Amino acid sequence: MTRFLLRRLAVMLATVLVASLVVFTVLEVLPGDPAEVMLGVGAEPETVAALRHDLGLDRPAPERYLSWIAGMAIGDFGTSYTYGVPVSELILERAVVSLPLALLAILLSTAIAIPLGVTAAARRGSAVDAAVMGFAQIGVAVPNFWLGLLFIMLFAVTLRWLPAGGFAGWEAGPGPALASLTLPAVALALPQAAILARVTRSAVLETLGEDYVRTARAKGLTRQAALWRHAVRNALIPVVTIMGLQFSFLIAGTIIIESVFTLPGLGRLIFQAIAQRDLIVVKNVIVLLAISVIVVNFLVDLAYGALDPRLRSLVDDR
């Protein structure tokens, strides 16, 4: 198990370094000078050059990359060109909106999808199965931003049950804050739940046909017991794989949903920073989001080992 963890950690660290290099390189080759954007089109060249020097933009790219990575390693993300405050402060302010939103969406999609997928598999060919697959088909086809607009019209404007947008802040209490995040989380969760329900159904159907499930039934286990004790557990590996992949889609979806619901999260911060050419904010936020996806994939790998000990043995034997 120790070798398994060390190998996965080494792969994760290498992936983070490659991701940071790609992000830095892409932002370097993009047209536009942050100093010129900050000072405006009528700024004197000497003033622009002085600002570039103050921001460190006149140093060689490799030197700036190494300085950036070294700063990130100790928690120093630099200072925002636009806001004039440490980038770490900006990220923390916005993360308290985006992280709970992503967590709520994941919990909702899992809570909806797995029971639906298992139920559809257990009642294959029935009306329940057809209804679940119909929901999944619609959920996959409908984009989350359209769902967000629909929820605003129905639950905020017509019924007035929940706020249409904005974030009440955690200082107002968990109730108002969670109320602000409910509609965006549901809009994010439903399309993901549709995909996950289809995968869960297929995985459970496959395991239901395995010999060990038939053996369990032959030994007197009830259908429900064989389903939940053997079929569902062994069907979780592809389900966990999809959940890990969905996290990256949730990150991308959060950027759009935060704009629809005017939430002050990381997605809107990236959007504003790109428009203002605040590259130091852009590259730090993108790399942190990439790290969060890499960490989730690392946790998925650990889950593989927990669900199927044979995978740990294969890695340890190499």
C-alpha atoms as a PDB file:
ATOM      1  CA  MET A   1       0.000   0.000   0.000  1.00  0.00           C
ATOM      2  CA  THR A   2       2.907   2.353   0.750  1.00  0.00           C
ATOM      3  CA  ARG A   3       4.401   1.859  -2.708  1.00  0.00           C
ATOM      4  CA  PHE A   4       0.974   2.408  -4.226  1.00  0.00           C
ATOM      5  CA  LEU A   5       0.619   5.736  -2.392  1.00  0.00           C
ATOM      6  CA  LEU A   6       4.166   6.902  -3.188  1.00  0.00           C
ATOM      7  CA  ARG A   7       3.734   6.157  -6.889  1.00  0.00           C
ATOM      8  CA  ARG A   8       0.435   7.961  -7.069  1.00  0.00           C
ATOM      9  CA  LEU A   9       1.893  10.965  -5.194  1.00  0.00           C
ATOM     10  CA  ALA A  10       4.864  11.104  -7.605  1.00  0.00           C
ATOM     11  CA  VAL A  11       2.516  11.008 -10.598  1.00  0.00           C
ATOM     12  CA  MET A  12       0.342  13.711  -9.022  1.00  0.00           C
ATOM     13  CA  LEU A  13       3.331  16.014  -8.411  1.00  0.00           C
ATOM     14  CA  ALA A  14       4.616  15.543 -11.981  1.00  0.00           C
ATOM     15  CA  THR A  15       1.148  16.278 -13.362  1.00  0.00           C
ATOM     16  CA  VAL A  16       0.901  19.483 -11.327  1.00  0.00           C
ATOM     17  CA  LEU A  17       4.283  20.682 -12.660  1.00  0.00           C
ATOM     18  CA  VAL A  18       3.280  19.922 -16.261  1.00  0.00           C
ATOM     19  CA  ALA A  19      -0.068  21.678 -15.785  1.00  0.00           C
ATOM     20  CA  SER A  20       1.616  24.771 -14.322  1.00  0.00           C
ATOM     21  CA  LEU A  21       4.109  24.887 -17.213  1.00  0.00           C
ATOM     22  CA  VAL A  22       1.338  24.581 -19.801  1.00  0.00           C
ATOM     23  CA  VAL A  23      -0.747  27.325 -18.159  1.00  0.00           C
ATOM     24  CA  PHE A  24       2.256  29.662 -17.877  1.00  0.00           C
ATOM     25  CA  THR A  25       3.297  29.057 -21.497  1.00  0.00           C
ATOM     26  CA  VAL A  26      -0.199  29.570 -22.893  1.00  0.00           C
ATOM     27  CA  LEU A  27      -0.651  32.856 -21.026  1.00  0.00           C
ATOM     28  CA  GLU A  28       2.794  34.013 -22.172  1.00  0.00           C
ATOM     29  CA  VAL A  29       1.984  33.618 -25.859  1.00  0.00           C
ATOM     30  CA  LEU A  30      -1.413  35.313 -25.656  1.00  0.00           C
ATOM     31  CA  PRO A  31      -1.454  38.798 -27.184  1.00  0.00           C
ATOM     32  CA  GLY A  32      -1.813  41.871 -24.980  1.00  0.00           C
ATOM     33  CA  ASP A  33       0.295  43.529 -22.316  1.00  0.00           C
ATOM     34  CA  PRO A  34      -1.152  43.692 -18.765  1.00  0.00           C
ATOM     35  CA  ALA A  35       0.695  46.988 -18.122  1.00  0.00           C
ATOM     36  CA  GLU A  36      -0.851  48.618 -21.195  1.00  0.00           C
ATOM     37  CA  VAL A  37      -4.307  47.335 -20.198  1.00  0.00           C
ATOM     38  CA  MET A  38      -3.931  48.724 -16.684  1.00  0.00           C
ATOM     39  CA  LEU A  39      -2.707  52.148 -17.847  1.00  0.00           C
ATOM     40  CA  GLY A  40      -4.978  52.506 -20.882  1.00  0.00           C
ATOM     41  CA  VAL A  41      -4.296  53.037 -24.556  1.00  0.00           C
ATOM     42  CA  GLY A  42      -3.054  56.617 -24.088  1.00  0.00           C
ATOM     43  CA  ALA A  43      -0.265  55.815 -21.622  1.00  0.00           C
ATOM     44  CA  GLU A  44       3.272  56.966 -22.324  1.00  0.00           C
ATOM     45  CA  PRO A  45       5.747  54.185 -23.281  1.00  0.00           C
ATOM     46  CA  GLU A  46       8.036  55.199 -20.393  1.00  0.00           C
ATOM     47  CA  THR A  47       5.163  54.807 -17.931  1.00  0.00           C
ATOM     48  CA  VAL A  48       4.259  51.407 -19.373  1.00  0.00           C
ATOM     49  CA  ALA A  49       7.904  50.300 -19.174  1.00  0.00           C
ATOM     50  CA  ALA A  50       8.138  51.443 -15.543  1.00  0.00           C
ATOM     51  CA  LEU A  51       4.998  49.520 -14.628  1.00  0.00           C
ATOM     52  CA  ARG A  52       6.252  46.403 -16.435  1.00  0.00           C
ATOM     53  CA  HIS A  53       9.440  46.662 -14.362  1.00  0.00           C
ATOM     54  CA  ASP A  54       7.466  47.075 -11.121  1.00  0.00           C
ATOM     55  CA  LEU A  55       5.335  44.028 -11.978  1.00  0.00           C
ATOM     56  CA  GLY A  56       8.398  41.986 -12.929  1.00  0.00           C
ATOM     57  CA  LEU A  57       7.148  41.497 -16.484  1.00  0.00           C
ATOM     58  CA  ASP A  58      10.486  42.533 -18.011  1.00  0.00           C
ATOM     59  CA  ARG A  59      12.322  39.554 -16.511  1.00  0.00           C
ATOM     60  CA  PRO A  60      13.020  36.439 -18.643  1.00  0.00           C
ATOM     61  CA  ALA A  61      10.121  33.968 -18.796  1.00  0.00           C
ATOM     62  CA  PRO A  62      12.016  31.028 -17.192  1.00  0.00           C
ATOM     63  CA  GLU A  63      12.997  33.245 -14.260  1.00  0.00           C
ATOM     64  CA  ARG A  64       9.395  34.391 -13.790  1.00  0.00           C
ATOM     65  CA  TYR A  65       8.111  30.798 -14.014  1.00  0.00           C
ATOM     66  CA  LEU A  66      10.514  29.520 -11.364  1.00  0.00           C
ATOM     67  CA  SER A  67       9.781  32.514  -9.131  1.00  0.00           C
ATOM     68  CA  TRP A  68       6.036  31.877  -9.507  1.00  0.00           C
ATOM     69  CA  ILE A  69       6.298  28.164  -8.693  1.00  0.00           C
ATOM     70  CA  ALA A  70       8.558  28.834  -5.704  1.00  0.00           C
ATOM     71  CA  GLY A  71       6.078  31.438  -4.421  1.00  0.00           C
ATOM     72  CA  MET A  72       3.125  29.060  -4.831  1.00  0.00           C
ATOM     73  CA  ALA A  73       4.967  26.396  -2.863  1.00  0.00           C
ATOM     74  CA  ILE A  74       5.064  28.705   0.176  1.00  0.00           C
ATOM     75  CA  GLY A  75       1.600  30.181  -0.345  1.00  0.00           C
ATOM     76  CA  ASP A  76       2.740  33.439  -1.987  1.00  0.00           C
ATOM     77  CA  PHE A  77       0.636  33.805  -5.150  1.00  0.00           C
ATOM     78  CA  GLY A  78       1.712  37.375  -5.862  1.00  0.00           C
ATOM     79  CA  THR A  79      -0.374  40.554  -6.049  1.00  0.00           C
ATOM     80  CA  SER A  80      -3.292  41.153  -8.385  1.00  0.00           C
ATOM     81  CA  TYR A  81      -2.531  43.711 -11.092  1.00  0.00           C
ATOM     82  CA  THR A  82      -6.124  44.984 -11.000  1.00  0.00           C
ATOM     83  CA  TYR A  83      -7.199  44.809  -7.360  1.00  0.00           C
ATOM     84  CA  GLY A  84      -3.798  45.535  -5.796  1.00  0.00           C
ATOM     85  CA  VAL A  85      -4.281  42.869  -3.109  1.00  0.00           C
ATOM     86  CA  PRO A  86      -2.642  39.461  -2.632  1.00  0.00           C
ATOM     87  CA  VAL A  87      -4.071  36.886  -5.004  1.00  0.00           C
ATOM     88  CA  SER A  88      -4.383  34.445  -2.102  1.00  0.00           C
ATOM     89  CA  GLU A  89      -6.902  36.795  -0.444  1.00  0.00           C
ATOM     90  CA  LEU A  90      -8.973  37.010  -3.632  1.00  0.00           C
ATOM     91  CA  ILE A  91      -8.965  33.233  -4.009  1.00  0.00           C
ATOM     92  CA  LEU A  92      -9.986  32.636  -0.398  1.00  0.00           C
ATOM     93  CA  GLU A  93     -12.850  35.152  -0.671  1.00  0.00           C
ATOM     94  CA  ARG A  94     -14.196  33.425  -3.781  1.00  0.00           C
ATOM     95  CA  ALA A  95     -13.458  29.837  -2.742  1.00  0.00           C
ATOM     96  CA  VAL A  96     -15.959  30.029   0.135  1.00  0.00           C
ATOM     97  CA  VAL A  97     -18.629  30.307  -2.571  1.00  0.00           C
ATOM     98  CA  SER A  98     -17.313  27.931  -5.244  1.00  0.00           C
ATOM     99  CA  LEU A  99     -16.188  25.030  -3.057  1.00  0.00           C
ATOM    100  CA  PRO A 100     -19.504  24.627  -1.173  1.00  0.00           C
ATOM    101  CA  LEU A 101     -21.321  24.966  -4.510  1.00  0.00           C
ATOM    102  CA  ALA A 102     -19.255  22.186  -6.121  1.00  0.00           C
ATOM    103  CA  LEU A 103     -19.590  20.003  -3.015  1.00  0.00           C
ATOM    104  CA  LEU A 104     -23.367  20.468  -2.929  1.00  0.00           C
ATOM    105  CA  ALA A 105     -23.620  19.632  -6.625  1.00  0.00           C
ATOM    106  CA  ILE A 106     -21.563  16.440  -6.212  1.00  0.00           C
ATOM    107  CA  LEU A 107     -23.572  15.316  -3.187  1.00  0.00           C
ATOM    108  CA  LEU A 108     -26.870  16.016  -4.938  1.00  0.00           C
ATOM    109  CA  SER A 109     -25.896  14.265  -8.171  1.00  0.00           C
ATOM    110  CA  THR A 110     -24.652  11.200  -6.263  1.00  0.00           C
ATOM    111  CA  ALA A 111     -27.701  11.077  -4.001  1.00  0.00           C
ATOM    112  CA  ILE A 112     -29.995  11.232  -7.040  1.00  0.00           C
ATOM    113  CA  ALA A 113     -28.083   9.066  -9.509  1.00  0.00           C
ATOM    114  CA  ILE A 114     -27.018   5.968  -7.593  1.00  0.00           C
ATOM    115  CA  PRO A 115     -30.466   5.037  -6.174  1.00  0.00           C
ATOM    116  CA  LEU A 116     -32.050   5.726  -9.565  1.00  0.00           C
ATOM    117  CA  GLY A 117     -29.434   3.710 -11.464  1.00  0.00           C
ATOM    118  CA  VAL A 118     -29.625   0.753  -9.058  1.00  0.00           C
ATOM    119  CA  THR A 119     -33.438   0.808  -9.088  1.00  0.00           C
ATOM    120  CA  ALA A 120     -33.520   0.887 -12.901  1.00  0.00           C
ATOM    121  CA  ALA A 121     -31.093  -2.040 -13.095  1.00  0.00           C
ATOM    122  CA  ALA A 122     -33.047  -4.064 -10.526  1.00  0.00           C
ATOM    123  CA  ARG A 123     -36.275  -3.485 -12.500  1.00  0.00           C
ATOM    124  CA  ARG A 124     -34.866  -3.756 -15.992  1.00  0.00           C
ATOM    125  CA  GLY A 125     -37.528  -3.486 -18.674  1.00  0.00           C
ATOM    126  CA  SER A 126     -40.171  -2.090 -16.315  1.00  0.00           C
ATOM    127  CA  ALA A 127     -41.912   1.279 -16.390  1.00  0.00           C
ATOM    128  CA  VAL A 128     -39.573   2.477 -13.634  1.00  0.00           C
ATOM    129  CA  ASP A 129     -36.557   1.596 -15.781  1.00  0.00           C
ATOM    130  CA  ALA A 130     -38.052   3.442 -18.752  1.00  0.00           C
ATOM    131  CA  ALA A 131     -38.820   6.498 -16.610  1.00  0.00           C
ATOM    132  CA  VAL A 132     -35.287   6.629 -15.182  1.00  0.00           C
ATOM    133  CA  MET A 133     -33.716   6.281 -18.616  1.00  0.00           C
ATOM    134  CA  GLY A 134     -36.050   8.965 -19.940  1.00  0.00           C
ATOM    135  CA  PHE A 135     -34.963  11.306 -17.167  1.00  0.00           C
ATOM    136  CA  ALA A 136     -31.342  10.484 -17.914  1.00  0.00           C
ATOM    137  CA  GLN A 137     -31.806  11.151 -21.625  1.00  0.00           C
ATOM    138  CA  ILE A 138     -33.378  14.544 -20.962  1.00  0.00           C
ATOM    139  CA  GLY A 139     -30.799  15.396 -18.292  1.00  0.00           C
ATOM    140  CA  VAL A 140     -27.883  14.681 -20.613  1.00  0.00           C
ATOM    141  CA  ALA A 141     -29.388  16.779 -23.404  1.00  0.00           C
ATOM    142  CA  VAL A 142     -30.290  19.868 -21.361  1.00  0.00           C
ATOM    143  CA  PRO A 143     -27.424  22.334 -20.662  1.00  0.00           C
ATOM    144  CA  ASN A 144     -27.029  23.467 -17.050  1.00  0.00           C
ATOM    145  CA  PHE A 145     -27.179  27.197 -17.836  1.00  0.00           C
ATOM    146  CA  TRP A 146     -30.624  26.718 -19.409  1.00  0.00           C
ATOM    147  CA  LEU A 147     -31.747  24.820 -16.307  1.00  0.00           C
ATOM    148  CA  GLY A 148     -30.405  27.687 -14.216  1.00  0.00           C
ATOM    149  CA  LEU A 149     -32.490  30.246 -16.133  1.00  0.00           C
ATOM    150  CA  LEU A 150     -35.562  27.970 -15.874  1.00  0.00           C
ATOM    151  CA  PHE A 151     -35.113  27.622 -12.106  1.00  0.00           C
ATOM    152  CA  ILE A 152     -34.773  31.380 -11.707  1.00  0.00           C
ATOM    153  CA  MET A 153     -38.049  31.941 -13.578  1.00  0.00           C
ATOM    154  CA  LEU A 154     -39.919  29.197 -11.704  1.00  0.00           C
ATOM    155  CA  PHE A 155     -38.582  29.139  -8.141  1.00  0.00           C
ATOM    156  CA  ALA A 156     -37.358  32.722  -7.729  1.00  0.00           C
ATOM    157  CA  VAL A 157     -39.569  34.928  -9.913  1.00  0.00           C
ATOM    158  CA  THR A 158     -42.863  32.967  -9.949  1.00  0.00           C
ATOM    159  CA  LEU A 159     -42.918  31.068  -6.640  1.00  0.00           C
ATOM    160  CA  ARG A 160     -40.452  33.305  -4.743  1.00  0.00           C
ATOM    161  CA  TRP A 161     -39.130  30.340  -2.789  1.00  0.00           C
ATOM    162  CA  LEU A 162     -35.423  31.007  -3.314  1.00  0.00           C
ATOM    163  CA  PRO A 163     -33.262  33.993  -4.318  1.00  0.00           C
ATOM    164  CA  ALA A 164     -32.719  34.580  -8.028  1.00  0.00           C
ATOM    165  CA  GLY A 165     -29.039  35.356  -7.659  1.00  0.00           C
ATOM    166  CA  GLY A 166     -26.243  36.783  -5.561  1.00  0.00           C
ATOM    167  CA  PHE A 167     -24.736  35.324  -2.424  1.00  0.00           C
ATOM    168  CA  ALA A 168     -25.971  36.222   1.066  1.00  0.00           C
ATOM    169  CA  GLY A 169     -22.576  35.437   2.643  1.00  0.00           C
ATOM    170  CA  TRP A 170     -21.765  32.946   5.393  1.00  0.00           C
ATOM    171  CA  GLU A 171     -21.775  35.763   7.950  1.00  0.00           C
ATOM    172  CA  ALA A 172     -25.576  35.987   7.412  1.00  0.00           C
ATOM    173  CA  GLY A 173     -25.892  32.400   8.648  1.00  0.00           C
ATOM    174  CA  PRO A 174     -25.918  28.977   6.956  1.00  0.00           C
ATOM    175  CA  GLY A 175     -29.620  29.242   6.042  1.00  0.00           C
ATOM    176  CA  PRO A 176     -29.443  32.277   3.746  1.00  0.00           C
ATOM    177  CA  ALA A 177     -26.079  31.167   2.341  1.00  0.00           C
ATOM    178  CA  LEU A 178     -27.332  27.687   1.468  1.00  0.00           C
ATOM    179  CA  ALA A 179     -30.524  29.192   0.033  1.00  0.00           C
ATOM    180  CA  SER A 180     -28.336  31.245  -2.325  1.00  0.00           C
ATOM    181  CA  LEU A 181     -26.504  28.113  -3.459  1.00  0.00           C
ATOM    182  CA  THR A 182     -29.483  25.736  -3.776  1.00  0.00           C
ATOM    183  CA  LEU A 183     -30.675  26.600  -7.278  1.00  0.00           C
ATOM    184  CA  PRO A 184     -27.151  26.805  -8.783  1.00  0.00           C
ATOM    185  CA  ALA A 185     -26.245  23.478  -7.154  1.00  0.00           C
ATOM    186  CA  VAL A 186     -29.355  21.753  -8.503  1.00  0.00           C
ATOM    187  CA  ALA A 187     -28.726  23.198 -11.973  1.00  0.00           C
ATOM    188  CA  LEU A 188     -25.191  21.817 -11.858  1.00  0.00           C
ATOM    189  CA  ALA A 189     -26.183  18.470 -10.334  1.00  0.00           C
ATOM    190  CA  LEU A 190     -29.042  17.334 -12.582  1.00  0.00           C
ATOM    191  CA  PRO A 191     -27.070  16.880 -15.845  1.00  0.00           C
ATOM    192  CA  GLN A 192     -24.300  15.109 -13.924  1.00  0.00           C
ATOM    193  CA  ALA A 193     -26.863  12.916 -12.146  1.00  0.00           C
ATOM    194  CA  ALA A 194     -28.329  11.897 -15.503  1.00  0.00           C
ATOM    195  CA  ILE A 195     -24.935  10.685 -16.747  1.00  0.00           C
ATOM    196  CA  LEU A 196     -24.131   8.946 -13.474  1.00  0.00           C
ATOM    197  CA  ALA A 197     -27.513   7.179 -13.362  1.00  0.00           C
ATOM    198  CA  ARG A 198     -26.921   5.677 -16.825  1.00  0.00           C
ATOM    199  CA  VAL A 199     -23.434   4.492 -15.854  1.00  0.00           C
ATOM    200  CA  THR A 200     -24.701   3.047 -12.553  1.00  0.00           C
ATOM    201  CA  ARG A 201     -27.485   1.153 -14.301  1.00  0.00           C
ATOM    202  CA  SER A 202     -25.103  -0.354 -16.870  1.00  0.00           C
ATOM    203  CA  ALA A 203     -22.503  -1.296 -14.255  1.00  0.00           C
ATOM    204  CA  VAL A 204     -25.061  -2.947 -11.958  1.00  0.00           C
ATOM    205  CA  LEU A 205     -26.644  -4.856 -14.848  1.00  0.00           C
ATOM    206  CA  GLU A 206     -23.221  -6.199 -15.793  1.00  0.00           C
ATOM    207  CA  THR A 207     -22.424  -7.366 -12.270  1.00  0.00           C
ATOM    208  CA  LEU A 208     -25.880  -8.934 -11.846  1.00  0.00           C
ATOM    209  CA  GLY A 209     -24.914 -11.386 -14.577  1.00  0.00           C
ATOM    210  CA  GLU A 210     -21.683 -12.462 -12.860  1.00  0.00           C
ATOM    211  CA  ASP A 211     -21.262 -15.953 -11.405  1.00  0.00           C
ATOM    212  CA  TYR A 212     -20.657 -14.740  -7.849  1.00  0.00           C
ATOM    213  CA  VAL A 213     -24.057 -13.024  -7.788  1.00  0.00           C
ATOM    214  CA  ARG A 214     -25.776 -16.185  -9.029  1.00  0.00           C
ATOM    215  CA  THR A 215     -23.834 -18.192  -6.443  1.00  0.00           C
ATOM    216  CA  ALA A 216     -24.979 -15.843  -3.691  1.00  0.00           C
ATOM    217  CA  ARG A 217     -28.582 -16.264  -4.829  1.00  0.00           C
ATOM    218  CA  ALA A 218     -28.145 -20.072  -4.988  1.00  0.00           C
ATOM    219  CA  LYS A 219     -26.974 -20.013  -1.358  1.00  0.00           C
ATOM    220  CA  GLY A 220     -30.271 -18.485  -0.324  1.00  0.00           C
ATOM    221  CA  LEU A 221     -29.499 -14.763  -0.378  1.00  0.00           C
ATOM    222  CA  THR A 222     -32.512 -12.638  -1.267  1.00  0.00           C
ATOM    223  CA  ARG A 223     -32.508 -10.666  -4.496  1.00  0.00           C
ATOM    224  CA  GLN A 224     -32.204  -7.366  -2.652  1.00  0.00           C
ATOM    225  CA  ALA A 225     -29.377  -8.640  -0.445  1.00  0.00           C
ATOM    226  CA  ALA A 226     -27.446 -10.022  -3.437  1.00  0.00           C
ATOM    227  CA  LEU A 227     -28.009  -6.748  -5.249  1.00  0.00           C
ATOM    228  CA  TRP A 228     -26.714  -4.440  -2.500  1.00  0.00           C
ATOM    229  CA  ARG A 229     -24.036  -6.681  -0.952  1.00  0.00           C
ATOM    230  CA  HIS A 230     -22.425  -7.989  -4.146  1.00  0.00           C
ATOM    231  CA  ALA A 231     -23.643  -6.352  -7.353  1.00  0.00           C
ATOM    232  CA  VAL A 232     -23.661  -2.698  -6.257  1.00  0.00           C
ATOM    233  CA  ARG A 233     -20.309  -2.861  -4.443  1.00  0.00           C
ATOM    234  CA  ASN A 234     -18.543  -4.373  -7.448  1.00  0.00           C
ATOM    235  CA  ALA A 235     -20.254  -1.933  -9.804  1.00  0.00           C
ATOM    236  CA  LEU A 236     -18.853   1.064  -7.938  1.00  0.00           C
ATOM    237  CA  ILE A 237     -15.463   1.183  -9.717  1.00  0.00           C
ATOM    238  CA  PRO A 238     -16.827   2.540 -13.048  1.00  0.00           C
ATOM    239  CA  VAL A 239     -19.213   4.767 -11.069  1.00  0.00           C
ATOM    240  CA  VAL A 240     -16.340   6.245  -9.050  1.00  0.00           C
ATOM    241  CA  THR A 241     -14.378   6.743 -12.285  1.00  0.00           C
ATOM    242  CA  ILE A 242     -17.206   8.796 -13.776  1.00  0.00           C
ATOM    243  CA  MET A 243     -17.585  10.784 -10.544  1.00  0.00           C
ATOM    244  CA  GLY A 244     -13.904  11.717 -10.737  1.00  0.00           C
ATOM    245  CA  LEU A 245     -14.244  12.780 -14.365  1.00  0.00           C
ATOM    246  CA  GLN A 246     -17.388  14.745 -13.565  1.00  0.00           C
ATOM    247  CA  PHE A 247     -15.482  16.932 -11.129  1.00  0.00           C
ATOM    248  CA  SER A 248     -13.606  18.624 -13.968  1.00  0.00           C
ATOM    249  CA  PHE A 249     -16.921  19.183 -15.798  1.00  0.00           C
ATOM    250  CA  LEU A 250     -18.393  20.646 -12.610  1.00  0.00           C
ATOM    251  CA  ILE A 251     -15.487  23.098 -12.418  1.00  0.00           C
ATOM    252  CA  ALA A 252     -16.158  24.215 -15.987  1.00  0.00           C
ATOM    253  CA  GLY A 253     -19.895  24.334 -15.340  1.00  0.00           C
ATOM    254  CA  THR A 254     -19.395  26.385 -12.197  1.00  0.00           C
ATOM    255  CA  ILE A 255     -17.849  29.196 -14.249  1.00  0.00           C
ATOM    256  CA  ILE A 256     -21.048  29.472 -16.325  1.00  0.00           C
ATOM    257  CA  ILE A 257     -23.499  28.917 -13.479  1.00  0.00           C
ATOM    258  CA  GLU A 258     -21.820  31.545 -11.294  1.00  0.00           C
ATOM    259  CA  SER A 259     -22.352  34.055 -14.093  1.00  0.00           C
ATOM    260  CA  VAL A 260     -26.018  33.037 -14.490  1.00  0.00           C
ATOM    261  CA  PHE A 261     -26.703  33.401 -10.742  1.00  0.00           C
ATOM    262  CA  THR A 262     -24.240  36.321 -10.243  1.00  0.00           C
ATOM    263  CA  LEU A 263     -22.352  34.403  -7.571  1.00  0.00           C
ATOM    264  CA  PRO A 264     -18.987  35.920  -6.541  1.00  0.00           C
ATOM    265  CA  GLY A 265     -17.043  32.670  -6.926  1.00  0.00           C
ATOM    266  CA  LEU A 266     -13.842  31.546  -8.596  1.00  0.00           C
ATOM    267  CA  GLY A 267     -15.566  31.183 -11.963  1.00  0.00           C
ATOM    268  CA  ARG A 268     -16.556  34.838 -12.074  1.00  0.00           C
ATOM    269  CA  LEU A 269     -13.104  35.801 -10.772  1.00  0.00           C
ATOM    270  CA  ILE A 270     -11.465  34.025 -13.725  1.00  0.00           C
ATOM    271  CA  PHE A 271     -13.906  35.605 -16.145  1.00  0.00           C
ATOM    272  CA  GLN A 272     -13.223  39.121 -14.806  1.00  0.00           C
ATOM    273  CA  ALA A 273      -9.465  38.541 -14.601  1.00  0.00           C
ATOM    274  CA  ILE A 274      -9.307  37.416 -18.239  1.00  0.00           C
ATOM    275  CA  ALA A 275     -11.238  40.503 -19.343  1.00  0.00           C
ATOM    276  CA  GLN A 276      -8.886  42.748 -17.328  1.00  0.00           C
ATOM    277  CA  ARG A 277      -5.711  40.891 -18.416  1.00  0.00           C
ATOM    278  CA  ASP A 278      -4.942  40.228 -14.756  1.00  0.00           C
ATOM    279  CA  LEU A 279      -2.754  37.294 -15.753  1.00  0.00           C
ATOM    280  CA  ILE A 280      -1.339  36.568 -12.330  1.00  0.00           C
ATOM    281  CA  VAL A 281      -4.871  35.917 -11.038  1.00  0.00           C
ATOM    282  CA  VAL A 282      -5.778  33.854 -14.100  1.00  0.00           C
ATOM    283  CA  LYS A 283      -2.785  31.536 -13.935  1.00  0.00           C
ATOM    284  CA  ASN A 284      -2.999  31.018 -10.173  1.00  0.00           C
ATOM    285  CA  VAL A 285      -6.705  30.200 -10.195  1.00  0.00           C
ATOM    286  CA  ILE A 286      -6.418  27.903 -13.216  1.00  0.00           C
ATOM    287  CA  VAL A 287      -3.502  25.997 -11.682  1.00  0.00           C
ATOM    288  CA  LEU A 288      -5.326  25.662  -8.367  1.00  0.00           C
ATOM    289  CA  LEU A 289      -8.391  24.318 -10.171  1.00  0.00           C
ATOM    290  CA  ALA A 290      -6.127  21.903 -12.079  1.00  0.00           C
ATOM    291  CA  ILE A 291      -4.585  20.808  -8.773  1.00  0.00           C
ATOM    292  CA  SER A 292      -8.048  20.218  -7.301  1.00  0.00           C
ATOM    293  CA  VAL A 293      -8.939  17.994 -10.291  1.00  0.00           C
ATOM    294  CA  ILE A 294      -5.630  16.113  -9.941  1.00  0.00           C
ATOM    295  CA  VAL A 295      -6.227  15.612  -6.205  1.00  0.00           C
ATOM    296  CA  VAL A 296      -9.733  14.277  -6.893  1.00  0.00           C
ATOM    297  CA  ASN A 297      -8.289  11.820  -9.415  1.00  0.00           C
ATOM    298  CA  PHE A 298      -5.732  10.785  -6.789  1.00  0.00           C
ATOM    299  CA  LEU A 299      -8.578  10.128  -4.345  1.00  0.00           C
ATOM    300  CA  VAL A 300     -10.364   8.145  -7.056  1.00  0.00           C
ATOM    301  CA  ASP A 301      -7.242   5.972  -7.427  1.00  0.00           C
ATOM    302  CA  LEU A 302      -7.245   5.407  -3.676  1.00  0.00           C
ATOM    303  CA  ALA A 303     -10.914   4.474  -3.876  1.00  0.00           C
ATOM    304  CA  TYR A 304     -10.052   1.869  -6.519  1.00  0.00           C
ATOM    305  CA  GLY A 305      -7.656   0.265  -4.065  1.00  0.00           C
ATOM    306  CA  ALA A 306     -10.237   0.317  -1.295  1.00  0.00           C
ATOM    307  CA  LEU A 307     -12.968  -1.177  -3.503  1.00  0.00           C
ATOM    308  CA  ASP A 308     -10.772  -3.817  -5.157  1.00  0.00           C
ATOM    309  CA  PRO A 309      -7.661  -4.951  -3.185  1.00  0.00           C
ATOM    310  CA  ARG A 310      -6.409  -6.761  -6.307  1.00  0.00           C
ATOM    311  CA  LEU A 311      -5.474  -3.361  -7.796  1.00  0.00           C
ATOM    312  CA  ARG A 312      -3.196  -2.585  -4.830  1.00  0.00           C
ATOM    313  CA  SER A 313      -1.532  -5.972  -5.219  1.00  0.00           C
ATOM    314  CA  LEU A 314      -0.892  -5.395  -8.911  1.00  0.00           C
ATOM    315  CA  VAL A 315       0.889  -2.097  -8.196  1.00  0.00           C
ATOM    316  CA  ASP A 316       2.867  -3.484  -5.253  1.00  0.00           C
ATOM    317  CA  ASP A 317       4.044  -6.473  -7.304  1.00  0.00           C
ATOM    318  CA  ARG A 318       5.544  -4.317 -10.054  1.00  0.00           C
END
